[in-house]
Amino acid sequence: MDMEYITLRERPGLKEQAAAWFHSKWGLPVEAYLQCMDAYLGGKTEYGWYLCMEGDLIAGGLGVIENDFHDRKDLSPNVCALYVEESFRSRGIAGRLLCMAVEDLRSKGITPVYLVTDHTGFYERYGWEFLCPVRCEEEQATSRMYIHK
């Protein structure tokens, strides 16, 4: 079956399923995802939600939010919640979702874009550059902040 890459605005009926899916991966309350998704679907923000679908299944997804729980409030917006189901990994889904989000935001005049991660070597493949360490809320250790210009 072919993969379909969509924004939540293209298929708003997936909102509940997507919020529950992101919650199951990251543990944040479903309501937090729904609030961000409602702002996007209602046109209050251009910070979107992007999904890779195989039929009715979410194979992968990510969101864009103001701040991904770190101390550098000036570095915004942030890609968040990137996840690809294990059975769908190594197919380029994460990279395609990242490029889709960056291009969508760029088309709306929103650049640069940031993300926080503990990974090294992965995001560089898709044009992201390490920017600086950041301290995430309620954590002592720092994480890596990346930028895509």
N, C-alpha and C. Protein backbone atom coordinates (compact mmCIF):
# COMPACT_ATOMS: atom_id res chain seq x y z
N MET A 1 0.84 -1.19 0.00
CA MET A 1 0.00 0.00 0.00
C MET A 1 0.89 1.25 0.00
N ASP A 2 0.47 2.28 -0.72
CA ASP A 2 1.24 3.51 -0.80
C ASP A 2 1.07 4.35 0.46
N MET A 3 2.14 5.06 0.78
CA MET A 3 2.12 6.00 1.89
C MET A 3 1.52 7.31 1.39
N GLU A 4 0.74 7.95 2.24
CA GLU A 4 0.15 9.25 1.92
C GLU A 4 0.63 10.24 2.97
N TYR A 5 1.21 11.34 2.51
CA TYR A 5 1.71 12.39 3.40
C TYR A 5 0.73 13.55 3.36
N ILE A 6 0.20 13.90 4.53
CA ILE A 6 -0.86 14.91 4.59
C ILE A 6 -0.64 15.85 5.76
N THR A 7 -1.29 17.01 5.65
CA THR A 7 -1.40 17.88 6.82
C THR A 7 -2.75 17.57 7.46
N LEU A 8 -2.87 17.89 8.73
CA LEU A 8 -4.14 17.66 9.41
C LEU A 8 -5.26 18.51 8.79
N ARG A 9 -4.90 19.65 8.20
CA ARG A 9 -5.93 20.47 7.54
C ARG A 9 -6.52 19.75 6.33
N GLU A 10 -5.74 18.88 5.71
CA GLU A 10 -6.25 18.13 4.56
C GLU A 10 -7.23 17.05 4.99
N ARG A 11 -7.06 16.54 6.22
CA ARG A 11 -7.94 15.49 6.74
C ARG A 11 -8.27 15.77 8.19
N PRO A 12 -9.04 16.84 8.47
CA PRO A 12 -9.32 17.22 9.85
C PRO A 12 -10.05 16.13 10.65
N GLY A 13 -10.71 15.22 9.98
CA GLY A 13 -11.39 14.13 10.66
C GLY A 13 -10.44 13.18 11.39
N LEU A 14 -9.15 13.30 11.12
CA LEU A 14 -8.15 12.47 11.80
C LEU A 14 -7.69 13.06 13.13
N LYS A 15 -8.23 14.22 13.50
CA LYS A 15 -7.74 14.93 14.70
C LYS A 15 -7.75 14.05 15.94
N GLU A 16 -8.86 13.43 16.26
CA GLU A 16 -8.95 12.61 17.48
C GLU A 16 -7.97 11.44 17.43
N GLN A 17 -7.92 10.76 16.29
CA GLN A 17 -7.01 9.63 16.13
C GLN A 17 -5.55 10.09 16.28
N ALA A 18 -5.23 11.22 15.64
CA ALA A 18 -3.86 11.74 15.70
C ALA A 18 -3.48 12.14 17.12
N ALA A 19 -4.37 12.82 17.81
CA ALA A 19 -4.07 13.23 19.19
C ALA A 19 -3.83 12.01 20.08
N ALA A 20 -4.65 10.99 19.93
CA ALA A 20 -4.48 9.77 20.71
C ALA A 20 -3.19 9.07 20.34
N TRP A 21 -2.84 9.07 19.06
CA TRP A 21 -1.60 8.44 18.59
C TRP A 21 -0.38 9.15 19.17
N PHE A 22 -0.33 10.48 19.06
CA PHE A 22 0.81 11.23 19.62
C PHE A 22 0.89 11.02 21.13
N HIS A 23 -0.25 11.03 21.81
CA HIS A 23 -0.27 10.78 23.26
C HIS A 23 0.35 9.41 23.58
N SER A 24 0.02 8.41 22.78
CA SER A 24 0.52 7.05 23.05
C SER A 24 2.03 6.97 22.86
N LYS A 25 2.61 7.86 22.07
CA LYS A 25 4.05 7.83 21.80
C LYS A 25 4.83 8.67 22.80
N TRP A 26 4.27 9.79 23.23
CA TRP A 26 5.03 10.76 24.03
C TRP A 26 4.50 10.97 25.44
N GLY A 27 3.29 10.49 25.74
CA GLY A 27 2.78 10.56 27.10
C GLY A 27 2.19 11.89 27.53
N LEU A 28 2.22 12.89 26.67
CA LEU A 28 1.58 14.16 27.02
C LEU A 28 0.07 13.98 26.93
N PRO A 29 -0.69 14.77 27.68
CA PRO A 29 -2.15 14.60 27.67
C PRO A 29 -2.75 14.79 26.27
N VAL A 30 -3.73 13.97 25.95
CA VAL A 30 -4.44 14.09 24.68
C VAL A 30 -4.94 15.52 24.50
N GLU A 31 -5.42 16.12 25.60
CA GLU A 31 -5.97 17.48 25.54
C GLU A 31 -4.93 18.49 25.05
N ALA A 32 -3.67 18.29 25.40
CA ALA A 32 -2.62 19.21 24.95
C ALA A 32 -2.48 19.14 23.43
N TYR A 33 -2.51 17.94 22.89
CA TYR A 33 -2.45 17.80 21.43
C TYR A 33 -3.69 18.38 20.77
N LEU A 34 -4.85 18.09 21.33
CA LEU A 34 -6.10 18.61 20.76
C LEU A 34 -6.11 20.13 20.75
N GLN A 35 -5.62 20.75 21.81
CA GLN A 35 -5.59 22.21 21.87
C GLN A 35 -4.73 22.78 20.74
N CYS A 36 -3.55 22.21 20.53
CA CYS A 36 -2.67 22.68 19.46
C CYS A 36 -3.28 22.41 18.08
N MET A 37 -3.87 21.25 17.93
CA MET A 37 -4.50 20.89 16.66
C MET A 37 -5.69 21.78 16.36
N ASP A 38 -6.49 22.09 17.38
CA ASP A 38 -7.64 22.98 17.18
C ASP A 38 -7.19 24.38 16.75
N ALA A 39 -6.10 24.88 17.34
CA ALA A 39 -5.58 26.20 16.95
C ALA A 39 -5.16 26.19 15.48
N TYR A 40 -4.54 25.10 15.05
CA TYR A 40 -4.11 24.96 13.65
C TYR A 40 -5.32 24.82 12.72
N LEU A 41 -6.24 23.94 13.07
CA LEU A 41 -7.41 23.73 12.22
C LEU A 41 -8.30 24.96 12.17
N GLY A 42 -8.31 25.75 13.25
CA GLY A 42 -9.13 26.95 13.30
C GLY A 42 -8.47 28.18 12.71
N GLY A 43 -7.24 28.02 12.18
CA GLY A 43 -6.55 29.14 11.54
C GLY A 43 -5.92 30.13 12.51
N LYS A 44 -5.83 29.77 13.80
CA LYS A 44 -5.21 30.68 14.78
C LYS A 44 -3.69 30.63 14.70
N THR A 45 -3.15 29.57 14.08
CA THR A 45 -1.71 29.44 13.90
C THR A 45 -1.44 28.68 12.61
N GLU A 46 -0.27 28.90 12.05
CA GLU A 46 0.17 28.12 10.90
C GLU A 46 1.09 26.99 11.33
N TYR A 47 1.29 26.84 12.63
CA TYR A 47 2.12 25.76 13.15
C TYR A 47 1.31 24.47 13.04
N GLY A 48 1.66 23.62 12.08
CA GLY A 48 0.82 22.52 11.67
C GLY A 48 1.15 21.16 12.25
N TRP A 49 0.38 20.19 11.78
CA TRP A 49 0.53 18.78 12.15
C TRP A 49 0.57 17.99 10.86
N TYR A 50 1.55 17.11 10.77
CA TYR A 50 1.87 16.40 9.53
C TYR A 50 1.87 14.90 9.80
N LEU A 51 1.23 14.15 8.90
CA LEU A 51 1.08 12.71 9.11
C LEU A 51 1.48 11.94 7.87
N CYS A 52 2.02 10.75 8.10
CA CYS A 52 2.23 9.78 7.05
C CYS A 52 1.24 8.66 7.33
N MET A 53 0.37 8.42 6.37
CA MET A 53 -0.68 7.42 6.54
C MET A 53 -0.45 6.23 5.61
N GLU A 54 -0.73 5.05 6.11
CA GLU A 54 -0.85 3.87 5.26
C GLU A 54 -2.27 3.38 5.47
N GLY A 55 -3.11 3.68 4.52
CA GLY A 55 -4.54 3.40 4.69
C GLY A 55 -5.07 4.22 5.85
N ASP A 56 -5.67 3.55 6.84
CA ASP A 56 -6.21 4.24 8.01
C ASP A 56 -5.21 4.29 9.17
N LEU A 57 -4.02 3.75 8.97
CA LEU A 57 -3.01 3.71 10.03
C LEU A 57 -2.07 4.89 9.95
N ILE A 58 -1.74 5.46 11.10
CA ILE A 58 -0.71 6.50 11.15
C ILE A 58 0.63 5.78 11.25
N ALA A 59 1.46 5.96 10.23
CA ALA A 59 2.78 5.35 10.21
C ALA A 59 3.81 6.26 10.88
N GLY A 60 3.57 7.57 10.79
CA GLY A 60 4.48 8.53 11.39
C GLY A 60 3.83 9.90 11.43
N GLY A 61 4.43 10.78 12.23
CA GLY A 61 3.87 12.12 12.32
C GLY A 61 4.77 13.05 13.09
N LEU A 62 4.46 14.32 12.98
CA LEU A 62 5.14 15.35 13.77
C LEU A 62 4.24 16.57 13.84
N GLY A 63 4.56 17.43 14.78
CA GLY A 63 3.84 18.69 14.93
C GLY A 63 4.82 19.84 14.95
N VAL A 64 4.29 21.04 14.87
CA VAL A 64 5.08 22.26 15.03
C VAL A 64 4.36 23.10 16.08
N ILE A 65 5.10 23.50 17.10
CA ILE A 65 4.54 24.28 18.19
C ILE A 65 5.46 25.46 18.50
N GLU A 66 4.99 26.35 19.34
CA GLU A 66 5.76 27.54 19.71
C GLU A 66 7.07 27.15 20.41
N ASN A 67 6.98 26.29 21.43
CA ASN A 67 8.15 25.94 22.24
C ASN A 67 8.01 24.50 22.72
N ASP A 68 9.07 23.72 22.52
CA ASP A 68 9.04 22.30 22.87
C ASP A 68 9.65 22.08 24.26
N PHE A 69 9.12 22.80 25.26
CA PHE A 69 9.47 22.60 26.67
C PHE A 69 10.95 22.86 26.98
N HIS A 70 11.50 23.94 26.43
CA HIS A 70 12.90 24.29 26.73
C HIS A 70 13.01 25.75 27.14
N ASP A 71 14.21 26.12 27.62
CA ASP A 71 14.40 27.45 28.20
C ASP A 71 14.69 28.56 27.19
N ARG A 72 14.82 28.25 25.92
CA ARG A 72 15.09 29.27 24.91
C ARG A 72 13.81 29.65 24.18
N LYS A 73 13.01 30.46 24.86
CA LYS A 73 11.71 30.86 24.32
C LYS A 73 11.84 31.69 23.05
N ASP A 74 13.04 32.25 22.82
CA ASP A 74 13.28 33.06 21.63
C ASP A 74 13.47 32.20 20.38
N LEU A 75 13.69 30.91 20.52
CA LEU A 75 13.92 30.01 19.38
C LEU A 75 12.61 29.30 19.06
N SER A 76 11.91 29.84 18.06
CA SER A 76 10.56 29.39 17.76
C SER A 76 10.29 29.56 16.27
N PRO A 77 9.45 28.71 15.67
CA PRO A 77 8.71 27.57 16.21
C PRO A 77 9.58 26.31 16.28
N ASN A 78 9.04 25.29 16.94
CA ASN A 78 9.77 24.04 17.15
C ASN A 78 9.01 22.86 16.56
N VAL A 79 9.74 22.03 15.81
CA VAL A 79 9.20 20.73 15.44
C VAL A 79 9.12 19.92 16.72
N CYS A 80 8.04 19.18 16.89
CA CYS A 80 7.87 18.37 18.11
C CYS A 80 7.26 17.02 17.76
N ALA A 81 7.40 16.10 18.66
CA ALA A 81 6.68 14.83 18.65
C ALA A 81 6.93 13.97 17.41
N LEU A 82 8.09 14.15 16.76
CA LEU A 82 8.39 13.32 15.60
C LEU A 82 8.48 11.86 16.03
N TYR A 83 7.71 11.03 15.35
CA TYR A 83 7.73 9.60 15.65
C TYR A 83 7.32 8.82 14.41
N VAL A 84 8.03 7.72 14.18
CA VAL A 84 7.67 6.78 13.12
C VAL A 84 7.53 5.40 13.76
N GLU A 85 6.44 4.74 13.48
CA GLU A 85 6.21 3.40 14.01
C GLU A 85 7.39 2.50 13.62
N GLU A 86 7.80 1.65 14.55
CA GLU A 86 8.97 0.80 14.34
C GLU A 86 8.88 -0.01 13.04
N SER A 87 7.72 -0.53 12.74
CA SER A 87 7.56 -1.36 11.54
C SER A 87 7.67 -0.56 10.24
N PHE A 88 7.67 0.77 10.34
CA PHE A 88 7.78 1.63 9.16
C PHE A 88 9.12 2.35 9.07
N ARG A 89 10.03 2.08 10.00
CA ARG A 89 11.31 2.80 10.02
C ARG A 89 12.21 2.37 8.87
N SER A 90 13.21 3.22 8.61
CA SER A 90 14.21 2.99 7.54
C SER A 90 13.58 3.06 6.15
N ARG A 91 12.52 3.83 6.02
CA ARG A 91 11.88 4.04 4.72
C ARG A 91 11.88 5.52 4.32
N GLY A 92 12.57 6.35 5.11
CA GLY A 92 12.63 7.78 4.80
C GLY A 92 11.44 8.58 5.24
N ILE A 93 10.57 8.00 6.05
CA ILE A 93 9.35 8.69 6.46
C ILE A 93 9.66 9.91 7.31
N ALA A 94 10.53 9.77 8.30
CA ALA A 94 10.85 10.91 9.17
C ALA A 94 11.45 12.05 8.36
N GLY A 95 12.35 11.74 7.46
CA GLY A 95 12.96 12.78 6.63
C GLY A 95 11.95 13.49 5.76
N ARG A 96 11.04 12.72 5.19
CA ARG A 96 10.02 13.32 4.33
C ARG A 96 9.07 14.20 5.14
N LEU A 97 8.70 13.76 6.35
CA LEU A 97 7.85 14.58 7.21
C LEU A 97 8.56 15.87 7.61
N LEU A 98 9.84 15.77 7.96
CA LEU A 98 10.62 16.97 8.32
C LEU A 98 10.67 17.95 7.16
N CYS A 99 10.97 17.46 5.96
CA CYS A 99 11.03 18.34 4.79
C CYS A 99 9.68 18.95 4.48
N MET A 100 8.63 18.15 4.63
CA MET A 100 7.27 18.64 4.38
C MET A 100 6.93 19.79 5.32
N ALA A 101 7.25 19.64 6.60
CA ALA A 101 6.95 20.69 7.58
C ALA A 101 7.75 21.95 7.29
N VAL A 102 9.06 21.79 7.04
CA VAL A 102 9.91 22.95 6.77
C VAL A 102 9.43 23.70 5.53
N GLU A 103 9.11 22.97 4.47
CA GLU A 103 8.66 23.61 3.22
C GLU A 103 7.31 24.28 3.41
N ASP A 104 6.40 23.64 4.13
CA ASP A 104 5.09 24.23 4.38
C ASP A 104 5.23 25.54 5.15
N LEU A 105 6.05 25.53 6.19
CA LEU A 105 6.25 26.75 6.98
C LEU A 105 6.94 27.83 6.15
N ARG A 106 7.95 27.43 5.38
CA ARG A 106 8.67 28.40 4.53
C ARG A 106 7.70 29.06 3.55
N SER A 107 6.77 28.28 3.01
CA SER A 107 5.81 28.84 2.04
C SER A 107 4.90 29.88 2.69
N LYS A 108 4.83 29.87 4.02
CA LYS A 108 4.03 30.83 4.77
C LYS A 108 4.89 31.92 5.39
N GLY A 109 6.18 31.96 5.00
CA GLY A 109 7.09 32.99 5.51
C GLY A 109 7.64 32.70 6.89
N ILE A 110 7.52 31.47 7.36
CA ILE A 110 7.99 31.11 8.69
C ILE A 110 9.31 30.36 8.57
N THR A 111 10.39 31.04 8.90
CA THR A 111 11.72 30.45 8.85
C THR A 111 12.63 31.30 9.72
N PRO A 112 13.60 30.76 10.42
CA PRO A 112 13.95 29.35 10.50
C PRO A 112 13.01 28.57 11.42
N VAL A 113 13.25 27.26 11.46
CA VAL A 113 12.50 26.34 12.32
C VAL A 113 13.53 25.64 13.21
N TYR A 114 13.11 25.28 14.43
CA TYR A 114 14.02 24.68 15.40
C TYR A 114 13.49 23.32 15.86
N LEU A 115 14.37 22.52 16.44
CA LEU A 115 13.94 21.29 17.11
C LEU A 115 14.94 20.92 18.18
N VAL A 116 14.44 20.23 19.20
CA VAL A 116 15.26 19.76 20.33
C VAL A 116 15.36 18.25 20.24
N THR A 117 16.57 17.73 20.42
CA THR A 117 16.76 16.29 20.35
C THR A 117 17.99 15.87 21.14
N ASP A 118 18.08 14.59 21.42
CA ASP A 118 19.29 14.02 21.97
C ASP A 118 20.04 13.22 20.91
N HIS A 119 19.48 13.15 19.71
CA HIS A 119 20.13 12.42 18.62
C HIS A 119 21.24 13.26 17.99
N THR A 120 22.26 12.59 17.52
CA THR A 120 23.30 13.25 16.72
C THR A 120 23.44 12.47 15.41
N GLY A 121 23.62 13.20 14.33
CA GLY A 121 23.83 12.57 13.04
C GLY A 121 22.58 12.34 12.22
N PHE A 122 21.42 12.28 12.85
CA PHE A 122 20.19 12.00 12.10
C PHE A 122 19.67 13.23 11.37
N TYR A 123 19.46 14.30 12.10
CA TYR A 123 18.82 15.49 11.51
C TYR A 123 19.71 16.20 10.50
N GLU A 124 21.02 16.06 10.65
CA GLU A 124 21.94 16.68 9.70
C GLU A 124 21.68 16.20 8.27
N ARG A 125 21.23 14.97 8.13
CA ARG A 125 20.95 14.41 6.79
C ARG A 125 19.85 15.19 6.06
N TYR A 126 19.05 15.92 6.81
CA TYR A 126 17.91 16.64 6.23
C TYR A 126 18.07 18.15 6.30
N GLY A 127 19.31 18.61 6.41
CA GLY A 127 19.59 20.04 6.34
C GLY A 127 19.53 20.78 7.67
N TRP A 128 19.40 20.06 8.77
CA TRP A 128 19.38 20.69 10.08
C TRP A 128 20.81 20.86 10.57
N GLU A 129 21.06 21.94 11.31
CA GLU A 129 22.38 22.21 11.87
C GLU A 129 22.28 22.38 13.38
N PHE A 130 23.27 21.81 14.09
CA PHE A 130 23.32 22.01 15.54
C PHE A 130 23.50 23.49 15.82
N LEU A 131 22.71 24.04 16.74
CA LEU A 131 22.77 25.46 17.06
C LEU A 131 23.38 25.69 18.44
N CYS A 132 22.83 25.03 19.47
CA CYS A 132 23.30 25.27 20.83
C CYS A 132 22.66 24.26 21.77
N PRO A 133 23.24 24.11 22.97
CA PRO A 133 22.56 23.29 23.97
C PRO A 133 21.42 24.10 24.61
N VAL A 134 20.36 23.41 25.01
CA VAL A 134 19.25 24.04 25.72
C VAL A 134 18.89 23.16 26.91
N ARG A 135 18.32 23.79 27.92
CA ARG A 135 17.88 23.05 29.10
C ARG A 135 16.37 22.84 28.97
N CYS A 136 15.98 21.60 29.03
CA CYS A 136 14.55 21.28 28.94
C CYS A 136 13.92 21.39 30.32
N GLU A 137 12.65 21.75 30.33
CA GLU A 137 11.92 21.93 31.59
C GLU A 137 12.02 20.67 32.45
N GLU A 138 12.26 20.88 33.73
CA GLU A 138 12.30 19.81 34.73
C GLU A 138 13.42 18.79 34.49
N GLU A 139 14.46 19.19 33.76
CA GLU A 139 15.60 18.30 33.55
C GLU A 139 16.88 19.05 33.88
N GLN A 140 17.85 18.33 34.43
CA GLN A 140 19.14 18.94 34.74
C GLN A 140 20.07 18.94 33.53
N ALA A 141 20.01 17.88 32.75
CA ALA A 141 20.90 17.76 31.59
C ALA A 141 20.40 18.65 30.46
N THR A 142 21.29 18.94 29.54
CA THR A 142 20.91 19.73 28.37
C THR A 142 20.62 18.81 27.19
N SER A 143 19.86 19.34 26.25
CA SER A 143 19.58 18.66 24.98
C SER A 143 20.15 19.51 23.87
N ARG A 144 20.11 18.98 22.69
CA ARG A 144 20.67 19.66 21.52
C ARG A 144 19.58 20.41 20.75
N MET A 145 19.81 21.70 20.48
CA MET A 145 18.90 22.51 19.68
C MET A 145 19.45 22.57 18.26
N TYR A 146 18.59 22.24 17.30
CA TYR A 146 18.94 22.31 15.88
C TYR A 146 18.13 23.41 15.21
N ILE A 147 18.67 23.90 14.11
CA ILE A 147 17.99 24.94 13.31
C ILE A 147 17.96 24.49 11.86
N HIS A 148 16.87 24.83 11.19
CA HIS A 148 16.77 24.65 9.74
C HIS A 148 16.44 26.02 9.16
N LYS A 149 17.36 26.54 8.37
CA LYS A 149 17.20 27.90 7.82
C LYS A 149 16.49 27.88 6.48
